[in-house]
Amino acid sequence: QLQLVESGGGLVQPGGSLRLSCAASHSTLDYSSIAWFRQAPGKEREGVSCIEPRTGDTLYINPVKGRFRITRDSAKNTVDLQMINLKPEDTAVYYCAATDKELQPWDFFSDDKYNYWGQGTQVTVSS
């Protein structure tokens, strides 16, 4: 059973940066997608970015394009999310998720397609 552990959250001022890391218990090369989701208070969980472990192909939602970057280190079994120019609306609990299911193009940000989840890490952007 794959286990995921997130780290790197915290409090940062608007315009600041954070790097989130997701450590997997074993290799994720056989998984179809590793994604970062977030859930703000009173809002539904939304996909933010994902990466295909084998190809390195990435996807981002429009609000974070140009500010967030997802990368993977296959040797360390980690997937990181570098976030710059953070905004108050980025405040949320961020979750790392993985799936071994075959995904259609429209599935990559569907949380019900992901069957492995971390516990989440809080990101607060506030002055």
Foldseek 3Di string as FASTA:
>chain_A
DKAKAKDWADEAAQQAKIKMKIAIPAACQLFQKKWKWWDDPPGDIWTAKMAGVNPRDMDGDVVQPPFWDWGADRVRRMIMIIGGSDDQVVWTWMKIFTANDDDDPVCRTPVVRTDYIYPTDTHGHHD
